[in-house]
Protein backbone atom coordinates (compact mmCIF):
# COMPACT_ATOMS: atom_id res chain seq x y z
CA MET A 1 -19.32 38.89 -66.42
CA ASP A 2 -16.42 39.29 -68.86
CA ILE A 3 -14.54 36.28 -70.15
CA LYS A 4 -10.83 36.38 -69.37
CA ASN A 5 -8.57 37.10 -72.32
CA ASP A 6 -6.49 33.98 -71.67
CA THR A 7 -9.64 31.86 -71.92
CA ILE A 8 -10.67 33.48 -75.21
CA ILE A 9 -7.18 32.93 -76.63
CA GLN A 10 -7.16 29.26 -75.58
CA ILE A 11 -10.64 28.58 -77.00
CA THR A 12 -9.79 30.37 -80.24
CA GLU A 13 -6.67 28.24 -80.71
CA ASP A 14 -8.63 25.08 -79.93
CA ILE A 15 -11.25 25.98 -82.53
CA ARG A 16 -8.60 26.82 -85.14
CA LYS A 17 -7.15 23.35 -84.72
CA LEU A 18 -10.60 21.77 -84.81
CA ILE A 19 -11.51 23.53 -88.05
CA GLY A 20 -8.17 22.46 -89.56
CA GLN A 21 -8.87 18.83 -88.66
CA SER A 22 -12.49 18.88 -89.84
CA ASN A 23 -13.76 18.26 -93.36
CA LEU A 24 -16.25 21.12 -93.74
CA ASP A 25 -15.18 22.27 -97.24
CA ASP A 26 -15.15 25.92 -96.15
CA ASN A 27 -18.91 25.85 -95.66
CA GLU A 28 -19.33 28.98 -93.52
CA GLN A 29 -22.67 27.89 -92.07
CA ASN A 30 -21.21 24.59 -90.91
CA ILE A 31 -18.11 26.29 -89.52
CA TYR A 32 -20.26 28.75 -87.57
CA LYS A 33 -22.27 25.82 -86.14
CA LEU A 34 -19.05 23.99 -85.22
CA ILE A 35 -17.88 27.05 -83.24
CA GLU A 36 -21.29 27.43 -81.62
CA ASP A 37 -21.48 23.76 -80.59
CA TYR A 38 -17.96 23.85 -79.21
CA ILE A 39 -18.57 26.90 -77.01
CA LEU A 40 -21.97 25.74 -75.77
CA SER A 41 -20.49 22.41 -74.66
CA ASP A 42 -17.19 23.73 -73.29
CA ALA A 43 -16.91 23.37 -69.50
CA ARG A 44 -15.06 26.68 -69.27
CA MET A 45 -18.25 28.43 -70.44
CA GLU A 46 -20.75 26.84 -68.06
CA ASN A 47 -20.96 29.88 -65.73
CA TYR A 48 -21.66 32.36 -68.52
CA SER A 49 -25.04 33.42 -69.90
CA PHE A 50 -26.21 32.46 -73.36
CA LYS A 51 -25.90 36.11 -74.42
CA VAL A 52 -22.22 36.18 -73.48
CA LYS A 53 -21.65 32.88 -75.27
CA ALA A 54 -23.38 34.19 -78.42
CA VAL A 55 -21.09 37.23 -78.43
CA LEU A 56 -18.07 34.96 -78.08
CA VAL A 57 -19.24 32.73 -80.95
CA ARG A 58 -19.45 35.72 -83.30
CA ARG A 59 -16.12 37.09 -82.10
CA ILE A 60 -14.26 33.83 -82.67
CA TYR A 61 -15.98 33.29 -86.03
CA TYR A 62 -14.84 36.72 -87.23
CA SER A 63 -11.37 36.14 -85.80
CA VAL A 64 -10.77 32.83 -87.57
CA ARG A 65 -12.78 33.30 -90.78
CA LYS A 66 -12.77 36.99 -91.78
CA ASP A 67 -9.86 38.99 -93.22
CA LEU A 68 -10.46 41.86 -90.80
CA GLY A 69 -11.05 39.62 -87.81
CA ILE A 70 -13.08 41.19 -85.02
CA LEU A 71 -13.19 44.45 -87.02
CA HIS A 72 -15.36 42.76 -89.65
CA PRO A 73 -18.72 44.11 -88.35
CA LEU A 74 -17.30 47.65 -88.44
CA SER A 75 -16.12 47.15 -92.01
CA GLU A 76 -19.65 46.06 -92.95
CA ASP A 77 -21.27 49.09 -91.30
CA LYS A 78 -22.02 51.51 -94.17
CA ASP A 79 -22.10 54.47 -91.78
CA VAL A 80 -18.49 53.89 -90.70
CA THR A 81 -16.01 55.78 -92.88
CA GLU A 82 -12.86 55.17 -90.84
CA ILE A 83 -11.67 52.54 -88.37
CA MET A 84 -8.80 53.48 -86.05
CA VAL A 85 -7.01 51.03 -83.74
CA ASN A 86 -4.55 52.46 -81.22
CA GLY A 87 -3.11 49.38 -79.58
CA LYS A 88 -5.17 46.38 -78.49
CA ASP A 89 -7.53 48.22 -76.11
CA HIS A 90 -8.59 51.29 -78.07
CA VAL A 91 -10.75 51.08 -81.20
CA PHE A 92 -12.38 54.19 -82.66
CA VAL A 93 -14.61 54.77 -85.67
CA GLU A 94 -15.77 57.78 -87.60
CA ARG A 95 -19.48 58.04 -88.42
CA PHE A 96 -20.94 61.10 -90.16
CA GLY A 97 -17.76 63.04 -89.42
CA VAL A 98 -17.81 62.27 -85.67
CA ILE A 99 -15.13 60.07 -84.05
CA GLU A 100 -16.29 57.77 -81.26
CA LYS A 101 -14.78 54.94 -79.26
CA VAL A 102 -16.43 51.54 -79.69
CA ASN A 103 -16.80 48.76 -77.14
CA LEU A 104 -14.32 46.44 -78.79
CA ARG A 105 -10.83 45.33 -77.86
CA PHE A 106 -8.33 42.70 -78.91
CA THR A 107 -7.46 39.96 -76.46
CA SER A 108 -3.75 40.61 -76.89
CA THR A 109 -1.19 42.60 -78.84
CA GLU A 110 -0.38 39.36 -80.65
CA GLU A 111 -3.95 39.08 -81.95
CA LEU A 112 -3.76 42.61 -83.34
CA GLU A 113 -0.33 41.95 -84.86
CA GLU A 114 -1.61 38.76 -86.49
CA LEU A 115 -4.52 40.67 -88.01
CA ILE A 116 -2.15 43.33 -89.38
CA ARG A 117 0.14 40.68 -90.88
CA ARG A 118 -2.86 38.94 -92.41
CA ILE A 119 -4.11 42.16 -94.01
CA ALA A 120 -0.65 42.94 -95.37
CA GLY A 121 -0.23 39.41 -96.67
CA ARG A 122 -3.52 39.57 -98.56
CA VAL A 123 -2.16 42.43 -100.65
CA HIS A 124 1.35 40.93 -100.96
CA ARG A 125 2.96 43.30 -98.48
CA GLU A 126 5.08 42.48 -95.45
CA ILE A 127 5.20 44.16 -92.05
CA ASN A 128 7.68 43.31 -89.31
CA GLU A 129 10.29 45.02 -87.16
CA LEU A 130 12.52 45.65 -90.20
CA ASN A 131 9.58 46.97 -92.26
CA PRO A 132 7.39 48.51 -89.54
CA ILE A 133 5.03 50.58 -91.75
CA VAL A 134 2.71 49.40 -94.47
CA ASP A 135 0.31 51.28 -96.74
CA ALA A 136 -2.02 49.13 -98.76
CA ARG A 137 -5.35 48.92 -100.52
CA LEU A 138 -7.87 46.20 -99.74
CA PRO A 139 -9.82 44.42 -102.51
CA ASP A 140 -12.89 46.55 -101.73
CA GLY A 141 -10.88 49.75 -102.27
CA SER A 142 -10.42 50.62 -98.58
CA ARG A 143 -7.07 52.20 -97.72
CA VAL A 144 -5.02 50.67 -94.91
CA ASN A 145 -2.13 52.03 -92.90
CA ALA A 146 -0.49 49.91 -90.23
CA VAL A 147 2.43 50.64 -87.91
CA TYR A 148 4.26 47.91 -86.01
CA LYS A 149 4.76 47.97 -82.24
CA ASN A 150 8.48 48.76 -82.39
CA VAL A 151 7.67 52.29 -83.63
CA ALA A 152 4.11 52.67 -82.27
CA LEU A 153 4.76 53.21 -78.57
CA ASN A 154 1.23 52.43 -77.31
CA GLY A 155 0.93 49.24 -79.35
CA PRO A 156 0.43 48.40 -83.03
CA SER A 157 -1.62 50.99 -84.93
CA LEU A 158 -4.10 50.18 -87.68
CA THR A 159 -6.14 52.69 -89.69
CA ILE A 160 -8.67 51.69 -92.34
CA ARG A 161 -10.28 54.37 -94.46
CA LYS A 162 -13.37 53.08 -96.19
CA PHE A 163 -14.80 54.49 -99.38
CA PRO A 164 -18.43 54.49 -100.44
CA GLU A 165 -19.52 51.70 -102.77
CA LYS A 166 -20.80 54.35 -105.15
CA ALA A 167 -18.74 57.47 -105.75
CA PHE A 168 -20.30 60.78 -104.78
CA SER A 169 -21.63 62.95 -107.59
CA MET A 170 -21.48 66.71 -107.74
CA LYS A 171 -25.20 66.69 -106.96
CA ASP A 172 -24.39 64.78 -103.74
CA MET A 173 -21.69 67.29 -102.78
CA ILE A 174 -24.07 70.19 -103.36
CA GLY A 175 -26.64 68.38 -101.22
CA PHE A 176 -24.07 67.90 -98.44
CA GLY A 177 -23.32 71.62 -98.54
CA THR A 178 -19.70 70.97 -99.54
CA ILE A 179 -19.99 73.27 -102.55
CA THR A 180 -22.57 75.60 -104.09
CA GLU A 181 -24.23 75.12 -107.47
CA GLU A 182 -22.53 78.25 -108.78
CA ALA A 183 -19.05 77.08 -107.74
CA ALA A 184 -19.74 73.59 -109.11
CA ALA A 185 -20.76 75.04 -112.48
CA PHE A 186 -17.58 77.15 -112.51
CA LEU A 187 -15.35 74.13 -111.84
CA ASN A 188 -17.21 72.18 -114.52
CA ARG A 189 -16.27 74.88 -117.04
CA MET A 190 -12.68 74.91 -115.84
CA VAL A 191 -12.28 71.14 -116.34
CA VAL A 192 -13.86 71.20 -119.80
CA ALA A 193 -11.68 74.18 -120.78
CA GLY A 194 -8.52 72.28 -119.79
CA GLU A 195 -7.44 74.37 -116.82
CA ASN A 196 -4.90 72.62 -114.58
CA ILE A 197 -6.56 72.28 -111.19
CA PHE A 198 -4.88 71.58 -107.84
CA ILE A 199 -6.98 70.65 -104.79
CA SER A 200 -5.59 71.26 -101.30
CA GLY A 201 -6.89 70.52 -97.83
CA GLY A 202 -6.28 68.67 -94.59
CA THR A 203 -6.71 64.97 -93.89
CA GLY A 204 -10.30 63.87 -94.45
CA SER A 205 -11.38 67.20 -95.92
CA GLY A 206 -12.77 65.61 -99.09
CA LYS A 207 -9.91 66.15 -101.58
CA THR A 208 -10.19 62.72 -103.16
CA SER A 209 -13.99 62.92 -103.39
CA LEU A 210 -13.83 66.28 -105.17
CA LEU A 211 -11.08 65.07 -107.50
CA ASN A 212 -13.24 62.07 -108.32
CA VAL A 213 -16.22 64.31 -109.08
CA LEU A 214 -14.25 66.74 -111.24
CA SER A 215 -12.81 63.89 -113.32
CA ASN A 216 -16.34 63.10 -114.49
CA TYR A 217 -16.37 66.41 -116.38
CA ILE A 218 -13.44 65.39 -118.59
CA PRO A 219 -14.60 65.00 -122.21
CA LYS A 220 -15.08 61.31 -123.01
CA GLU A 221 -12.86 61.31 -126.11
CA GLU A 222 -9.72 62.22 -124.16
CA ARG A 223 -7.05 59.78 -122.98
CA ILE A 224 -6.35 59.90 -119.24
CA VAL A 225 -3.47 58.49 -117.20
CA VAL A 226 -4.17 58.21 -113.46
CA ILE A 227 -1.29 57.88 -111.00
CA GLU A 228 -1.92 57.05 -107.33
CA ASP A 229 0.06 55.92 -104.34
CA SER A 230 -2.84 53.62 -103.38
CA ALA A 231 -5.71 53.44 -105.86
CA GLU A 232 -8.73 55.28 -104.45
CA LEU A 233 -10.38 57.09 -107.33
CA GLN A 234 -13.54 55.63 -108.82
CA LEU A 235 -13.36 56.67 -112.47
CA HIS A 236 -16.04 54.65 -114.20
CA GLU A 237 -17.10 57.19 -116.83
CA ILE A 238 -13.77 57.40 -118.68
CA GLU A 239 -13.16 54.78 -121.40
CA ASN A 240 -9.63 55.61 -122.57
CA ILE A 241 -7.87 55.39 -119.22
CA VAL A 242 -4.62 53.95 -117.87
CA ARG A 243 -4.41 53.49 -114.10
CA LEU A 244 -1.01 53.25 -112.43
CA GLU A 245 -0.32 52.47 -108.77
CA CYS A 246 2.93 52.71 -106.81
CA ARG A 247 4.54 49.58 -105.44
CA ASN A 248 6.68 49.15 -102.34
CA ALA A 249 10.01 47.37 -102.36
CA ASN A 250 10.12 43.73 -101.29
CA VAL A 251 12.07 42.36 -98.30
CA GLN A 252 15.29 42.49 -100.31
CA GLY A 253 14.70 46.17 -101.07
CA LYS A 254 13.90 45.50 -104.73
CA GLY A 255 10.86 46.17 -106.88
CA LEU A 256 10.12 49.72 -105.70
CA VAL A 257 8.04 51.72 -108.17
CA ASP A 258 7.40 55.24 -106.86
CA MET A 259 5.19 58.05 -108.07
CA GLN A 260 8.11 59.88 -109.64
CA GLN A 261 8.80 56.90 -111.92
CA LEU A 262 5.13 56.53 -112.82
CA ILE A 263 4.75 60.21 -113.73
CA LYS A 264 7.78 59.97 -116.03
CA ALA A 265 6.39 56.79 -117.60
CA SER A 266 2.97 58.38 -118.11
CA LEU A 267 4.45 61.07 -120.38
CA ARG A 268 5.25 58.32 -122.92
CA MET A 269 1.66 57.06 -122.98
CA ARG A 270 0.28 59.95 -125.04
CA PRO A 271 -2.12 61.24 -122.40
CA ASN A 272 -4.34 64.25 -122.95
CA ARG A 273 -4.53 64.72 -119.20
CA ILE A 274 -2.74 63.34 -116.17
CA ILE A 275 -4.43 62.85 -112.80
CA VAL A 276 -2.03 62.54 -109.86
CA GLY A 277 -3.94 61.33 -106.81
CA GLU A 278 -1.81 63.11 -104.22
CA VAL A 279 1.67 64.59 -104.16
CA ARG A 280 3.72 64.31 -100.99
CA GLY A 281 7.35 64.81 -101.97
CA LYS A 282 9.85 65.16 -104.77
CA GLU A 283 7.44 63.76 -107.37
CA VAL A 284 5.82 67.20 -107.43
CA LEU A 285 8.60 68.38 -109.76
CA ASP A 286 7.65 65.77 -112.35
CA MET A 287 3.97 66.64 -111.86
CA LEU A 288 4.64 70.31 -112.55
CA GLN A 289 6.69 69.45 -115.63
CA ALA A 290 3.77 67.35 -116.88
CA PHE A 291 1.40 70.24 -116.21
CA ASN A 292 3.75 72.53 -118.17
CA THR A 293 4.27 70.30 -121.21
CA GLY A 294 0.93 70.35 -122.97
CA HIS A 295 -1.18 68.17 -120.67
CA ASP A 296 -3.85 70.79 -120.13
CA GLY A 297 -6.68 69.89 -117.80
CA SER A 298 -4.56 67.82 -115.45
CA LEU A 299 -5.60 67.38 -111.82
CA SER A 300 -3.86 66.68 -108.52
CA THR A 301 -4.21 67.09 -104.75
CA GLY A 302 -1.99 67.79 -101.75
CA HIS A 303 -2.10 68.43 -98.01
CA GLY A 304 -2.19 72.12 -97.12
CA ASN A 305 -3.79 74.53 -94.65
CA SER A 306 -4.66 77.19 -97.22
CA ILE A 307 -3.97 78.08 -100.83
CA SER A 308 -0.95 80.20 -99.89
CA GLY A 309 0.21 77.47 -97.48
CA MET A 310 -0.11 74.85 -100.22
CA LEU A 311 1.99 76.95 -102.59
CA LYS A 312 4.74 77.10 -99.97
CA ARG A 313 4.52 73.35 -99.45
CA LEU A 314 4.85 72.77 -103.20
CA GLU A 315 8.02 74.87 -103.18
CA THR A 316 9.44 72.76 -100.36
CA MET A 317 8.57 69.54 -102.15
CA VAL A 318 10.29 70.70 -105.36
CA LEU A 319 13.41 71.54 -103.33
CA GLN A 320 13.46 67.91 -102.16
CA ALA A 321 13.88 66.87 -105.79
CA ALA A 322 16.35 69.48 -107.06
CA ASN A 323 18.30 72.45 -105.83
CA PHE A 324 16.69 74.96 -108.19
CA PRO A 325 16.63 78.72 -107.59
CA ILE A 326 13.46 79.59 -105.68
CA GLU A 327 12.40 82.04 -108.41
CA ALA A 328 12.53 79.27 -111.01
CA ILE A 329 10.47 77.00 -108.77
CA ARG A 330 7.82 79.62 -108.18
CA ASN A 331 7.56 80.43 -111.88
CA GLN A 332 7.16 76.72 -112.63
CA ILE A 333 4.34 76.45 -110.08
CA ALA A 334 2.61 79.60 -111.32
CA GLU A 335 2.80 78.49 -114.94
CA GLY A 336 1.69 74.92 -114.23
CA ILE A 337 -1.32 75.48 -111.96
CA ASP A 338 -4.28 77.52 -113.19
CA ILE A 339 -6.92 76.98 -110.51
CA MET A 340 -6.55 76.04 -106.84
CA VAL A 341 -9.41 74.73 -104.71
CA HIS A 342 -9.03 74.54 -100.95
CA LEU A 343 -11.23 72.38 -98.71
CA GLY A 344 -11.49 72.13 -94.96
CA ARG A 345 -13.50 70.67 -92.11
CA LEU A 346 -15.54 73.01 -89.97
CA PRO A 347 -16.01 72.64 -86.18
CA ASP A 348 -19.26 70.71 -86.84
CA ARG A 349 -17.11 68.19 -88.82
CA SER A 350 -18.74 69.09 -92.14
CA ARG A 351 -16.54 69.31 -95.24
CA ARG A 352 -16.60 72.56 -97.17
CA VAL A 353 -14.90 74.17 -100.14
CA LEU A 354 -13.35 77.21 -98.45
CA GLU A 355 -11.75 78.96 -101.40
CA ILE A 356 -11.35 78.81 -105.17
CA SER A 357 -8.64 81.00 -106.68
CA GLU A 358 -6.88 81.53 -109.97
CA ILE A 359 -3.06 81.54 -110.09
CA TYR A 360 -2.36 83.89 -112.98
CA GLY A 361 1.35 84.55 -112.66
CA TYR A 362 4.35 85.36 -110.50
CA GLU A 363 5.86 88.85 -110.24
CA GLN A 364 8.10 90.70 -107.79
CA ASN A 365 8.51 87.73 -105.43
CA LYS A 366 4.74 87.16 -105.19
CA TYR A 367 2.24 84.74 -106.66
CA LEU A 368 -0.53 86.57 -108.45
CA ILE A 369 -3.65 85.08 -106.85
CA ASN A 370 -7.11 86.02 -108.04
CA SER A 371 -9.67 84.97 -105.41
CA LEU A 372 -12.92 83.91 -107.08
CA PHE A 373 -14.92 82.17 -104.33
CA LYS A 374 -14.44 82.49 -100.57
CA TYR A 375 -16.21 80.83 -97.65
CA GLU A 376 -17.86 83.15 -95.14
CA VAL A 377 -19.22 81.89 -91.82
CA LYS A 378 -22.66 83.46 -92.19
CA ARG A 379 -23.07 83.22 -95.96
CA GLY A 380 -21.19 80.08 -96.94
CA LEU A 381 -19.16 79.86 -100.18
CA VAL A 382 -19.64 83.19 -101.94
CA LYS A 383 -18.52 84.34 -105.37
CA ASN A 384 -16.85 87.71 -105.25
CA ASP A 385 -16.70 90.38 -107.96
CA ASN A 386 -13.40 89.19 -109.45
CA GLN A 387 -13.49 87.63 -112.92
CA LEU A 388 -11.18 85.00 -114.39
CA ILE A 389 -8.11 86.78 -115.80
CA ASN A 390 -6.46 84.13 -117.99
CA ARG A 391 -9.15 83.10 -120.47
CA GLU A 392 -7.01 81.69 -123.29
CA LYS A 393 -7.88 78.05 -122.60
CA LEU A 394 -11.60 78.82 -122.43
CA LEU A 395 -11.46 80.66 -125.76
CA LEU A 396 -9.38 77.90 -127.35
CA ARG A 397 -11.94 75.23 -126.43
CA GLY A 398 -14.99 77.40 -126.98
CA VAL A 399 -16.08 77.37 -123.34
CA LYS A 400 -18.18 80.36 -122.32
């Protein structure tokens, strides 16, 4: 027998008031017992089994005491990598690359909205009908996107992308089958040699994880500036590091600090390399200028369906920033990016490096692309017979 939503809402409000009036000093054990005692003695619960009451106790405890409310158990589940809420009645999670619906629902749209406002408030953001979208980072590093009901037609939307407590290593990625040992060794050499590397792929393809892994190959004596929209990278091995994160405007429309501003500021910090977490728009022009002004070994990522598709997207993003001749844009891209790595998700939901190519110039309206590794269905990621063409940076740094 299910408890009616109205009853759950009434009991939850009663317990909120009771906790506010009590003197329990935020002792979670005592608060849990208070909720348990209240529900076990409540006349509205007399026709329900103890099992149903126990579920309700946990639900209300999470709702009134945990930042993520009834989603708290999912956030604690180490196998869950993404939590997706599509309105009050539909909650999905991703485990091991597979998306599944879970038996969980909010009692009302208001409960979901309250949770979203609470999450936003914890990170000093605001979401309402005037500011209906929020992107934020939780204290544990999880990335949150929420969309208010006035633009989400089937109810408020909430997406939480969790990150592992410990960052993946290249050994882990080889073990997962994401990349081969030979390709990993090649990318290691490219990072040490100071090649500018751009990683492309779709949502959830593993771009950030690979960027994180490659950053561990950066020589320890170098100074790094990291620029992210929402901080996700786990860069614990680099000592001389400056981490910058974008900031949204406040309710008055003031205080905005975007990626374009941060990239410009980073050039005055004397970095050896710049890591740009992900480019989405006009900031790509500043990124390319940084790549082209002596910051060898810089890294970045972007959303694309292939290496050629990503190059076209970069062109479009530069055009958002300035009305440059397309030839000038393409030359800037070709000169700034040395190596491109493309990742994707296969039908079995596994993440794979699908291609590694060298961009060695631009001539006669075409990028000069030297394919070095290519994924084949039956053989996996295979190195072809092509050799790296531009070897100046390797020779300069003594990398064989």
